[in-house]
């Protein structure tokens, strides 16, 4: 997985999940998108509100085939990447 983050002025965080080319079947691509968005939705480090405009970010998550096979692996990897991104 690779996470790219850019600041936005919206006051809330957004994410887009992009499975890399040749990730697998459409079912697998959609499943990893749904799971990553659920992990992001439950992530405690998200920013909300007008007072968070300088902190809010847009995230791009690129998922490579064979790297994520289990929900717990996806969850732990994504949370580590989000934590590292928020420390910057």
N, C-alpha and C. Protein backbone atom coordinates (compact mmCIF):
# COMPACT_ATOMS: atom_id res chain seq x y z
N UNK A 1 0.84 -1.18 0.00
CA UNK A 1 0.00 0.00 0.00
C UNK A 1 0.88 1.24 0.00
N UNK A 2 0.35 2.26 -0.60
CA UNK A 2 1.03 3.55 -0.60
C UNK A 2 -0.01 4.63 -0.36
N UNK A 3 0.31 5.58 0.51
CA UNK A 3 -0.62 6.65 0.86
C UNK A 3 0.00 7.99 0.50
N UNK A 4 -0.75 8.78 -0.23
CA UNK A 4 -0.34 10.13 -0.60
C UNK A 4 -1.34 11.08 0.05
N UNK A 5 -0.85 12.14 0.66
CA UNK A 5 -1.77 13.09 1.31
C UNK A 5 -1.46 14.51 0.87
N UNK A 6 -2.52 15.27 0.68
CA UNK A 6 -2.44 16.68 0.31
C UNK A 6 -3.42 17.46 1.19
N UNK A 7 -3.04 18.64 1.56
CA UNK A 7 -3.92 19.46 2.39
C UNK A 7 -5.08 20.01 1.56
N UNK A 8 -6.23 20.15 2.22
CA UNK A 8 -7.37 20.80 1.60
C UNK A 8 -7.93 21.85 2.57
N UNK A 9 -8.81 22.68 2.10
CA UNK A 9 -9.40 23.72 2.94
C UNK A 9 -10.88 23.49 3.18
N UNK A 10 -11.27 22.24 3.22
CA UNK A 10 -12.69 21.90 3.36
C UNK A 10 -13.13 21.74 4.81
N UNK A 11 -12.21 21.46 5.72
CA UNK A 11 -12.58 21.25 7.11
C UNK A 11 -12.85 19.79 7.44
N UNK A 12 -12.69 18.90 6.49
CA UNK A 12 -12.87 17.47 6.74
C UNK A 12 -11.95 16.70 5.81
N UNK A 13 -11.61 15.48 6.21
CA UNK A 13 -10.72 14.63 5.43
C UNK A 13 -11.51 13.82 4.41
N UNK A 14 -10.84 13.53 3.28
CA UNK A 14 -11.44 12.68 2.25
C UNK A 14 -10.42 11.63 1.84
N UNK A 15 -10.92 10.51 1.30
CA UNK A 15 -10.02 9.44 0.83
C UNK A 15 -10.55 8.88 -0.48
N UNK A 16 -9.61 8.49 -1.33
CA UNK A 16 -9.94 7.73 -2.53
C UNK A 16 -9.03 6.51 -2.52
N UNK A 17 -9.59 5.35 -2.84
CA UNK A 17 -8.85 4.09 -2.84
C UNK A 17 -8.73 3.62 -4.28
N UNK A 18 -7.48 3.39 -4.70
CA UNK A 18 -7.21 2.98 -6.07
C UNK A 18 -6.47 1.65 -6.05
N UNK A 19 -7.13 0.56 -6.42
CA UNK A 19 -6.41 -0.70 -6.58
C UNK A 19 -5.51 -0.60 -7.81
N UNK A 20 -4.28 -1.05 -7.70
CA UNK A 20 -3.33 -1.00 -8.81
C UNK A 20 -3.80 -1.88 -9.95
N UNK A 21 -3.21 -1.65 -11.09
CA UNK A 21 -3.56 -2.43 -12.27
C UNK A 21 -3.32 -3.91 -12.01
N UNK A 22 -4.18 -4.75 -12.52
CA UNK A 22 -4.11 -6.20 -12.35
C UNK A 22 -4.33 -6.62 -10.90
N UNK A 23 -5.17 -5.89 -10.17
CA UNK A 23 -5.43 -6.24 -8.78
C UNK A 23 -6.20 -7.54 -8.66
N UNK A 24 -7.03 -7.82 -9.60
CA UNK A 24 -7.83 -9.04 -9.55
C UNK A 24 -9.19 -8.78 -10.18
N UNK A 25 -10.14 -9.54 -9.72
CA UNK A 25 -11.50 -9.39 -10.24
C UNK A 25 -12.14 -8.12 -9.70
N UNK A 26 -13.22 -7.69 -10.33
CA UNK A 26 -13.94 -6.50 -9.90
C UNK A 26 -14.45 -6.66 -8.47
N UNK A 27 -14.83 -7.87 -8.12
CA UNK A 27 -15.31 -8.15 -6.76
C UNK A 27 -14.21 -7.86 -5.74
N UNK A 28 -13.00 -8.26 -6.05
CA UNK A 28 -11.87 -8.04 -5.14
C UNK A 28 -11.53 -6.56 -5.03
N UNK A 29 -11.57 -5.85 -6.16
CA UNK A 29 -11.27 -4.41 -6.14
C UNK A 29 -12.30 -3.66 -5.32
N UNK A 30 -13.56 -3.98 -5.52
CA UNK A 30 -14.62 -3.30 -4.77
C UNK A 30 -14.57 -3.64 -3.29
N UNK A 31 -14.22 -4.86 -2.97
CA UNK A 31 -14.13 -5.27 -1.57
C UNK A 31 -13.02 -4.50 -0.85
N UNK A 32 -11.87 -4.36 -1.49
CA UNK A 32 -10.77 -3.63 -0.84
C UNK A 32 -11.12 -2.14 -0.71
N UNK A 33 -11.85 -1.59 -1.68
CA UNK A 33 -12.31 -0.20 -1.56
C UNK A 33 -13.25 -0.02 -0.37
N UNK A 34 -14.23 -0.90 -0.28
CA UNK A 34 -15.20 -0.81 0.83
C UNK A 34 -14.51 -0.96 2.18
N UNK A 35 -13.61 -1.92 2.28
CA UNK A 35 -12.93 -2.16 3.56
C UNK A 35 -12.04 -0.98 3.94
N UNK A 36 -11.30 -0.43 2.98
CA UNK A 36 -10.42 0.71 3.28
C UNK A 36 -11.23 1.93 3.69
N UNK A 37 -12.36 2.16 3.04
CA UNK A 37 -13.20 3.30 3.40
C UNK A 37 -13.80 3.11 4.79
N UNK A 38 -14.12 1.90 5.16
CA UNK A 38 -14.65 1.63 6.50
C UNK A 38 -13.58 1.86 7.56
N UNK A 39 -12.36 1.43 7.30
CA UNK A 39 -11.25 1.68 8.23
C UNK A 39 -11.05 3.18 8.38
N UNK A 40 -11.07 3.91 7.26
CA UNK A 40 -10.89 5.36 7.29
C UNK A 40 -12.03 6.04 8.05
N UNK A 41 -13.24 5.56 7.86
CA UNK A 41 -14.39 6.14 8.54
C UNK A 41 -14.28 5.98 10.06
N UNK A 42 -13.73 4.88 10.51
CA UNK A 42 -13.59 4.61 11.94
C UNK A 42 -12.28 5.13 12.53
N UNK A 43 -11.41 5.71 11.70
CA UNK A 43 -10.11 6.20 12.16
C UNK A 43 -10.30 7.41 13.08
N UNK A 44 -9.68 7.37 14.24
CA UNK A 44 -9.88 8.41 15.25
C UNK A 44 -9.14 9.70 14.94
N UNK A 45 -8.17 9.69 14.04
CA UNK A 45 -7.39 10.87 13.75
C UNK A 45 -7.98 11.79 12.70
N UNK A 46 -9.21 11.52 12.26
CA UNK A 46 -9.83 12.35 11.23
C UNK A 46 -10.18 13.72 11.81
N UNK A 47 -10.19 14.72 10.94
CA UNK A 47 -10.46 16.09 11.36
C UNK A 47 -11.80 16.55 10.79
N UNK A 48 -12.55 17.26 11.64
CA UNK A 48 -13.86 17.77 11.25
C UNK A 48 -13.99 19.23 11.68
N UNK A 49 -14.85 19.95 11.04
CA UNK A 49 -15.24 21.27 11.49
C UNK A 49 -14.46 22.41 10.87
N UNK A 50 -15.02 23.61 10.98
CA UNK A 50 -14.37 24.77 10.36
C UNK A 50 -13.05 25.15 11.02
N UNK A 51 -12.85 24.78 12.29
CA UNK A 51 -11.60 25.11 12.97
C UNK A 51 -10.46 24.18 12.54
N UNK A 52 -10.75 23.15 11.76
CA UNK A 52 -9.74 22.19 11.32
C UNK A 52 -9.35 22.38 9.86
N UNK A 53 -9.66 23.54 9.29
CA UNK A 53 -9.38 23.74 7.87
C UNK A 53 -7.91 23.61 7.54
N UNK A 54 -7.04 24.04 8.45
CA UNK A 54 -5.61 23.94 8.16
C UNK A 54 -5.07 22.53 8.35
N UNK A 55 -5.82 21.65 9.03
CA UNK A 55 -5.38 20.28 9.28
C UNK A 55 -5.96 19.26 8.31
N UNK A 56 -7.09 19.59 7.68
CA UNK A 56 -7.79 18.59 6.87
C UNK A 56 -6.98 18.25 5.62
N UNK A 57 -7.12 16.98 5.19
CA UNK A 57 -6.32 16.46 4.07
C UNK A 57 -7.17 15.62 3.13
N UNK A 58 -6.66 15.49 1.93
CA UNK A 58 -7.16 14.52 0.96
C UNK A 58 -6.13 13.39 0.90
N UNK A 59 -6.60 12.15 0.95
CA UNK A 59 -5.72 10.99 0.93
C UNK A 59 -5.98 10.17 -0.32
N UNK A 60 -4.91 9.68 -0.92
CA UNK A 60 -4.99 8.74 -2.04
C UNK A 60 -4.30 7.47 -1.58
N UNK A 61 -5.04 6.38 -1.53
CA UNK A 61 -4.50 5.09 -1.12
C UNK A 61 -4.40 4.19 -2.34
N UNK A 62 -3.18 3.78 -2.67
CA UNK A 62 -2.95 2.86 -3.79
C UNK A 62 -2.66 1.49 -3.18
N UNK A 63 -3.48 0.51 -3.56
CA UNK A 63 -3.35 -0.85 -3.02
C UNK A 63 -2.83 -1.75 -4.12
N UNK A 64 -1.77 -2.48 -3.81
CA UNK A 64 -1.14 -3.36 -4.79
C UNK A 64 -1.61 -4.80 -4.59
N UNK A 65 -1.68 -5.59 -5.67
CA UNK A 65 -2.14 -6.97 -5.56
C UNK A 65 -1.19 -7.81 -4.73
N UNK A 66 -1.76 -8.70 -3.93
CA UNK A 66 -0.98 -9.61 -3.12
C UNK A 66 -0.50 -9.02 -1.81
N UNK A 67 -0.65 -7.72 -1.62
CA UNK A 67 -0.16 -7.07 -0.40
C UNK A 67 -1.22 -7.07 0.70
N UNK A 68 -2.49 -7.10 0.32
CA UNK A 68 -3.57 -7.06 1.30
C UNK A 68 -4.49 -8.23 1.04
N UNK A 69 -4.50 -9.18 1.94
CA UNK A 69 -5.37 -10.34 1.75
C UNK A 69 -6.39 -10.47 2.87
N UNK A 70 -6.20 -9.74 3.95
CA UNK A 70 -7.04 -9.90 5.12
C UNK A 70 -7.46 -8.51 5.62
N UNK A 71 -8.65 -8.42 6.21
CA UNK A 71 -9.15 -7.14 6.71
C UNK A 71 -8.25 -6.58 7.81
N UNK A 72 -7.78 -7.43 8.71
CA UNK A 72 -6.94 -6.95 9.81
C UNK A 72 -5.59 -6.44 9.30
N UNK A 73 -5.07 -7.05 8.24
CA UNK A 73 -3.83 -6.58 7.64
C UNK A 73 -4.03 -5.22 6.98
N UNK A 74 -5.14 -5.06 6.28
CA UNK A 74 -5.48 -3.78 5.67
C UNK A 74 -5.66 -2.71 6.73
N UNK A 75 -6.37 -3.05 7.79
CA UNK A 75 -6.65 -2.09 8.86
C UNK A 75 -5.36 -1.62 9.53
N UNK A 76 -4.51 -2.55 9.92
CA UNK A 76 -3.27 -2.17 10.60
C UNK A 76 -2.35 -1.37 9.69
N UNK A 77 -2.24 -1.77 8.43
CA UNK A 77 -1.38 -1.05 7.49
C UNK A 77 -1.87 0.35 7.21
N UNK A 78 -3.18 0.50 7.01
CA UNK A 78 -3.74 1.81 6.71
C UNK A 78 -3.65 2.74 7.91
N UNK A 79 -3.89 2.24 9.10
CA UNK A 79 -3.79 3.08 10.29
C UNK A 79 -2.35 3.54 10.50
N UNK A 80 -1.38 2.67 10.27
CA UNK A 80 0.03 3.08 10.38
C UNK A 80 0.36 4.18 9.39
N UNK A 81 -0.12 4.03 8.15
CA UNK A 81 0.14 5.05 7.14
C UNK A 81 -0.54 6.37 7.49
N UNK A 82 -1.78 6.32 7.98
CA UNK A 82 -2.48 7.54 8.36
C UNK A 82 -1.81 8.23 9.54
N UNK A 83 -1.38 7.47 10.52
CA UNK A 83 -0.68 8.04 11.67
C UNK A 83 0.61 8.72 11.22
N UNK A 84 1.36 8.06 10.37
CA UNK A 84 2.61 8.63 9.89
C UNK A 84 2.35 9.91 9.08
N UNK A 85 1.29 9.91 8.30
CA UNK A 85 0.95 11.08 7.50
C UNK A 85 0.51 12.25 8.38
N UNK A 86 -0.18 11.98 9.47
CA UNK A 86 -0.67 13.04 10.35
C UNK A 86 0.43 13.60 11.24
N UNK A 87 1.53 12.92 11.38
CA UNK A 87 2.64 13.43 12.19
C UNK A 87 3.42 14.50 11.43
N UNK A 88 3.30 14.52 10.13
CA UNK A 88 4.04 15.50 9.31
C UNK A 88 3.44 16.87 9.43
